[in-house]
């Protein structure tokens, strides 16, 4: 009874008969359908209009994708937008990549220079702290004078390093 009823399924969707052949059905029907479905589902999931209701997001994505996938002006618009979108995305990626590499390189050069000063500052502060502990434990006056002189030298070097770092950050 229904033997020949589904033979012309493509006419229901207003799809030309040549689009029902092997590679064309993939490129003109299945891939655009999956692209629209995935984008709409991703957007609905991200903006969380229906939180915790994944099936509603999936159903809305399916309806939206089915509504857009038929042969007509919308179908042609979707294909144009997909090709334009990939070209735009590639160009945007290349611009962001090269700008990012340049900015990263500039920051890396500055931070390497600063990091050597920061490293030295940290070492000097640690040495000053160690000398402070030695001074507390030392009983001999001569040794205490030597430790105080070393501490004075370290304090001046630490102040100079802090001033240098402050100049570079401004």
C-alpha atoms as a PDB file:
ATOM      1  CA  UNK A   1       0.000   0.000   0.000  1.00  0.00           C
ATOM      2  CA  UNK A   2       2.847   2.468   0.934  1.00  0.00           C
ATOM      3  CA  UNK A   3       5.426   0.952  -1.421  1.00  0.00           C
ATOM      4  CA  UNK A   4       6.098   4.011  -3.587  1.00  0.00           C
ATOM      5  CA  UNK A   5       5.026   6.630  -1.065  1.00  0.00           C
ATOM      6  CA  UNK A   6       8.522   7.435   0.251  1.00  0.00           C
ATOM      7  CA  UNK A   7      10.304   7.265  -3.096  1.00  0.00           C
ATOM      8  CA  UNK A   8      10.044  11.022  -3.584  1.00  0.00           C
ATOM      9  CA  UNK A   9      10.787  12.201  -0.036  1.00  0.00           C
ATOM     10  CA  UNK A  10      12.984  15.007  -1.325  1.00  0.00           C
ATOM     11  CA  UNK A  11       9.972  16.745  -2.865  1.00  0.00           C
ATOM     12  CA  UNK A  12       8.413  17.121   0.587  1.00  0.00           C
ATOM     13  CA  UNK A  13      11.396  19.202   1.640  1.00  0.00           C
ATOM     14  CA  UNK A  14      11.591  21.074  -1.695  1.00  0.00           C
ATOM     15  CA  UNK A  15      15.028  19.634  -2.405  1.00  0.00           C
ATOM     16  CA  UNK A  16      16.154  19.266  -6.027  1.00  0.00           C
ATOM     17  CA  UNK A  17      16.553  15.627  -7.150  1.00  0.00           C
ATOM     18  CA  UNK A  18      20.274  16.051  -7.920  1.00  0.00           C
ATOM     19  CA  UNK A  19      20.916  16.835  -4.230  1.00  0.00           C
ATOM     20  CA  UNK A  20      19.760  13.348  -3.237  1.00  0.00           C
ATOM     21  CA  UNK A  21      22.801  11.616  -4.750  1.00  0.00           C
ATOM     22  CA  UNK A  22      25.705  10.298  -2.654  1.00  0.00           C
ATOM     23  CA  UNK A  23      28.138  13.197  -2.038  1.00  0.00           C
ATOM     24  CA  UNK A  24      25.621  15.998  -2.518  1.00  0.00           C
ATOM     25  CA  UNK A  25      23.275  14.763   0.188  1.00  0.00           C
ATOM     26  CA  UNK A  26      26.181  14.965   2.615  1.00  0.00           C
ATOM     27  CA  UNK A  27      27.355  18.439   1.619  1.00  0.00           C
ATOM     28  CA  UNK A  28      24.001  20.072   0.990  1.00  0.00           C
ATOM     29  CA  UNK A  29      21.771  18.414   3.600  1.00  0.00           C
ATOM     30  CA  UNK A  30      23.494  16.526   6.391  1.00  0.00           C
ATOM     31  CA  UNK A  31      26.444  18.845   7.167  1.00  0.00           C
ATOM     32  CA  UNK A  32      24.395  22.095   7.130  1.00  0.00           C
ATOM     33  CA  UNK A  33      21.760  20.406   9.293  1.00  0.00           C
ATOM     34  CA  UNK A  34      24.384  19.278  11.810  1.00  0.00           C
ATOM     35  CA  UNK A  35      26.078  22.684  11.773  1.00  0.00           C
ATOM     36  CA  UNK A  36      22.862  24.585  12.485  1.00  0.00           C
ATOM     37  CA  UNK A  37      21.810  22.043  15.094  1.00  0.00           C
ATOM     38  CA  UNK A  38      25.168  22.194  16.900  1.00  0.00           C
ATOM     39  CA  UNK A  39      25.373  25.997  16.873  1.00  0.00           C
ATOM     40  CA  UNK A  40      21.810  26.501  18.111  1.00  0.00           C
ATOM     41  CA  UNK A  41      22.164  23.813  20.774  1.00  0.00           C
ATOM     42  CA  UNK A  42      25.472  25.316  21.932  1.00  0.00           C
ATOM     43  CA  UNK A  43      23.983  28.797  22.161  1.00  0.00           C
ATOM     44  CA  UNK A  44      20.900  27.591  24.033  1.00  0.00           C
ATOM     45  CA  UNK A  45      23.033  25.592  26.437  1.00  0.00           C
ATOM     46  CA  UNK A  46      25.440  28.482  27.031  1.00  0.00           C
ATOM     47  CA  UNK A  47      22.847  31.196  27.667  1.00  0.00           C
ATOM     48  CA  UNK A  48      20.756  28.804  29.804  1.00  0.00           C
ATOM     49  CA  UNK A  49      17.264  29.937  28.920  1.00  0.00           C
ATOM     50  CA  UNK A  50      15.997  26.576  30.164  1.00  0.00           C
ATOM     51  CA  UNK A  51      18.470  25.538  32.892  1.00  0.00           C
ATOM     52  CA  UNK A  52      18.468  21.830  33.643  1.00  0.00           C
ATOM     53  CA  UNK A  53      16.213  21.036  30.687  1.00  0.00           C
ATOM     54  CA  UNK A  54      18.590  19.631  28.085  1.00  0.00           C
ATOM     55  CA  UNK A  55      15.806  17.939  26.153  1.00  0.00           C
ATOM     56  CA  UNK A  56      14.064  21.250  25.508  1.00  0.00           C
ATOM     57  CA  UNK A  57      17.308  22.729  24.186  1.00  0.00           C
ATOM     58  CA  UNK A  58      17.733  19.705  21.936  1.00  0.00           C
ATOM     59  CA  UNK A  59      14.152  19.881  20.686  1.00  0.00           C
ATOM     60  CA  UNK A  60      14.409  23.592  19.923  1.00  0.00           C
ATOM     61  CA  UNK A  61      17.706  23.017  18.119  1.00  0.00           C
ATOM     62  CA  UNK A  62      16.164  20.224  16.069  1.00  0.00           C
ATOM     63  CA  UNK A  63      13.163  22.362  15.119  1.00  0.00           C
ATOM     64  CA  UNK A  64      15.382  25.301  14.201  1.00  0.00           C
ATOM     65  CA  UNK A  65      17.696  23.112  12.102  1.00  0.00           C
ATOM     66  CA  UNK A  66      14.799  21.408  10.307  1.00  0.00           C
ATOM     67  CA  UNK A  67      13.182  24.765   9.606  1.00  0.00           C
ATOM     68  CA  UNK A  68      16.350  26.050   7.956  1.00  0.00           C
ATOM     69  CA  UNK A  69      17.313  22.988   5.931  1.00  0.00           C
ATOM     70  CA  UNK A  70      15.306  23.056   2.757  1.00  0.00           C
ATOM     71  CA  UNK A  71      16.125  24.217  -0.704  1.00  0.00           C
ATOM     72  CA  UNK A  72      15.320  27.905  -0.990  1.00  0.00           C
ATOM     73  CA  UNK A  73      16.705  31.303  -0.084  1.00  0.00           C
ATOM     74  CA  UNK A  74      17.355  30.339   3.544  1.00  0.00           C
ATOM     75  CA  UNK A  75      19.336  27.282   2.448  1.00  0.00           C
ATOM     76  CA  UNK A  76      21.467  29.405   0.144  1.00  0.00           C
ATOM     77  CA  UNK A  77      21.915  31.999   2.894  1.00  0.00           C
ATOM     78  CA  UNK A  78      23.091  29.336   5.341  1.00  0.00           C
ATOM     79  CA  UNK A  79      25.665  28.064   2.829  1.00  0.00           C
ATOM     80  CA  UNK A  80      26.891  31.576   2.121  1.00  0.00           C
ATOM     81  CA  UNK A  81      27.162  32.376   5.826  1.00  0.00           C
ATOM     82  CA  UNK A  82      29.039  29.137   6.550  1.00  0.00           C
ATOM     83  CA  UNK A  83      31.587  29.827   3.809  1.00  0.00           C
ATOM     84  CA  UNK A  84      31.899  33.478   4.826  1.00  0.00           C
ATOM     85  CA  UNK A  85      32.131  32.493   8.478  1.00  0.00           C
ATOM     86  CA  UNK A  86      34.989  30.071   7.924  1.00  0.00           C
ATOM     87  CA  UNK A  87      36.925  32.654   5.916  1.00  0.00           C
ATOM     88  CA  UNK A  88      36.296  35.317   8.553  1.00  0.00           C
ATOM     89  CA  UNK A  89      37.226  32.920  11.377  1.00  0.00           C
ATOM     90  CA  UNK A  90      40.492  32.003   9.643  1.00  0.00           C
ATOM     91  CA  UNK A  91      41.459  35.644   9.088  1.00  0.00           C
ATOM     92  CA  UNK A  92      40.499  36.568  12.669  1.00  0.00           C
ATOM     93  CA  UNK A  93      42.543  33.653  14.018  1.00  0.00           C
ATOM     94  CA  UNK A  94      45.606  34.671  12.012  1.00  0.00           C
ATOM     95  CA  UNK A  95      45.370  38.283  13.208  1.00  0.00           C
ATOM     96  CA  UNK A  96      44.928  37.223  16.848  1.00  0.00           C
ATOM     97  CA  UNK A  97      47.763  34.715  16.526  1.00  0.00           C
ATOM     98  CA  UNK A  98      50.310  37.180  15.163  1.00  0.00           C
ATOM     99  CA  UNK A  99      49.280  40.016  17.484  1.00  0.00           C
ATOM    100  CA  UNK A 100      49.349  37.628  20.443  1.00  0.00           C
ATOM    101  CA  UNK A 101      52.793  36.313  19.540  1.00  0.00           C
ATOM    102  CA  UNK A 102      54.148  39.848  19.257  1.00  0.00           C
ATOM    103  CA  UNK A 103      52.630  41.007  22.548  1.00  0.00           C
ATOM    104  CA  UNK A 104      53.774  37.851  24.313  1.00  0.00           C
ATOM    105  CA  UNK A 105      57.308  38.321  23.011  1.00  0.00           C
ATOM    106  CA  UNK A 106      57.390  41.944  24.220  1.00  0.00           C
ATOM    107  CA  UNK A 107      56.056  40.965  27.625  1.00  0.00           C
ATOM    108  CA  UNK A 108      58.477  38.039  27.878  1.00  0.00           C
ATOM    109  CA  UNK A 109      61.487  40.270  27.189  1.00  0.00           C
ATOM    110  CA  UNK A 110      60.389  42.783  29.835  1.00  0.00           C
ATOM    111  CA  UNK A 111      59.484  40.144  32.395  1.00  0.00           C
ATOM    112  CA  UNK A 112      62.799  38.318  31.903  1.00  0.00           C
ATOM    113  CA  UNK A 113      64.678  41.528  32.663  1.00  0.00           C
ATOM    114  CA  UNK A 114      62.482  42.271  35.650  1.00  0.00           C
ATOM    115  CA  UNK A 115      62.508  38.720  36.901  1.00  0.00           C
ATOM    116  CA  UNK A 116      66.293  38.836  37.282  1.00  0.00           C
ATOM    117  CA  UNK A 117      65.947  41.924  39.492  1.00  0.00           C
ATOM    118  CA  UNK A 118      63.086  40.349  41.411  1.00  0.00           C
ATOM    119  CA  UNK A 119      65.145  37.205  41.917  1.00  0.00           C
ATOM    120  CA  UNK A 120      68.102  39.219  43.215  1.00  0.00           C
ATOM    121  CA  UNK A 121      65.800  41.243  45.484  1.00  0.00           C
ATOM    122  CA  UNK A 122      64.338  38.075  46.953  1.00  0.00           C
ATOM    123  CA  UNK A 123      67.811  36.623  47.549  1.00  0.00           C
ATOM    124  CA  UNK A 124      69.005  39.810  49.266  1.00  0.00           C
ATOM    125  CA  UNK A 125      65.905  39.939  51.485  1.00  0.00           C
ATOM    126  CA  UNK A 126      66.449  36.301  52.466  1.00  0.00           C
ATOM    127  CA  UNK A 127      70.115  37.018  53.251  1.00  0.00           C
ATOM    128  CA  UNK A 128      69.057  40.035  55.357  1.00  0.00           C
ATOM    129  CA  UNK A 129      66.618  37.860  57.280  1.00  0.00           C
ATOM    130  CA  UNK A 130      69.343  35.267  57.914  1.00  0.00           C
ATOM    131  CA  UNK A 131      71.722  37.975  59.136  1.00  0.00           C
ATOM    132  CA  UNK A 132      69.014  39.279  61.481  1.00  0.00           C
ATOM    133  CA  UNK A 133      68.765  35.828  63.073  1.00  0.00           C
ATOM    134  CA  UNK A 134      72.552  35.591  63.340  1.00  0.00           C
ATOM    135  CA  UNK A 135      72.657  39.015  65.016  1.00  0.00           C
ATOM    136  CA  UNK A 136      70.133  37.899  67.645  1.00  0.00           C
ATOM    137  CA  UNK A 137      72.142  34.795  68.499  1.00  0.00           C
ATOM    138  CA  UNK A 138      75.613  36.366  68.407  1.00  0.00           C
ATOM    139  CA  UNK A 139      77.166  37.374  71.764  1.00  0.00           C
ATOM    140  CA  UNK A 140      80.514  38.782  70.624  1.00  0.00           C
ATOM    141  CA  UNK A 141      80.484  42.567  70.014  1.00  0.00           C
ATOM    142  CA  UNK A 142      83.036  42.437  67.174  1.00  0.00           C
ATOM    143  CA  UNK A 143      80.999  39.853  65.280  1.00  0.00           C
ATOM    144  CA  UNK A 144      77.822  41.852  65.873  1.00  0.00           C
ATOM    145  CA  UNK A 145      79.484  44.943  64.303  1.00  0.00           C
ATOM    146  CA  UNK A 146      80.471  42.886  61.222  1.00  0.00           C
ATOM    147  CA  UNK A 147      76.945  41.521  60.902  1.00  0.00           C
ATOM    148  CA  UNK A 148      75.458  45.027  61.228  1.00  0.00           C
ATOM    149  CA  UNK A 149      77.807  46.304  58.496  1.00  0.00           C
ATOM    150  CA  UNK A 150      76.715  43.456  56.201  1.00  0.00           C
ATOM    151  CA  UNK A 151      73.086  44.216  57.011  1.00  0.00           C
ATOM    152  CA  UNK A 152      73.628  47.894  56.167  1.00  0.00           C
ATOM    153  CA  UNK A 153      75.117  46.938  52.764  1.00  0.00           C
ATOM    154  CA  UNK A 154      72.223  44.588  52.055  1.00  0.00           C
ATOM    155  CA  UNK A 155      69.649  47.232  53.036  1.00  0.00           C
ATOM    156  CA  UNK A 156      71.160  49.787  50.649  1.00  0.00           C
ATOM    157  CA  UNK A 157      71.254  47.219  47.832  1.00  0.00           C
ATOM    158  CA  UNK A 158      67.633  46.231  48.526  1.00  0.00           C
ATOM    159  CA  UNK A 159      66.548  49.892  48.461  1.00  0.00           C
ATOM    160  CA  UNK A 160      68.373  50.432  45.149  1.00  0.00           C
ATOM    161  CA  UNK A 161      66.737  47.313  43.621  1.00  0.00           C
ATOM    162  CA  UNK A 162      63.299  48.450  44.754  1.00  0.00           C
ATOM    163  CA  UNK A 163      63.875  51.884  43.191  1.00  0.00           C
ATOM    164  CA  UNK A 164      65.029  50.308  39.911  1.00  0.00           C
ATOM    165  CA  UNK A 165      62.002  48.042  39.763  1.00  0.00           C
ATOM    166  CA  UNK A 166      59.679  50.926  40.584  1.00  0.00           C
ATOM    167  CA  UNK A 167      61.176  53.048  37.780  1.00  0.00           C
ATOM    168  CA  UNK A 168      60.560  50.297  35.219  1.00  0.00           C
ATOM    169  CA  UNK A 169      56.974  49.661  36.255  1.00  0.00           C
ATOM    170  CA  UNK A 170      55.985  53.320  35.879  1.00  0.00           C
END
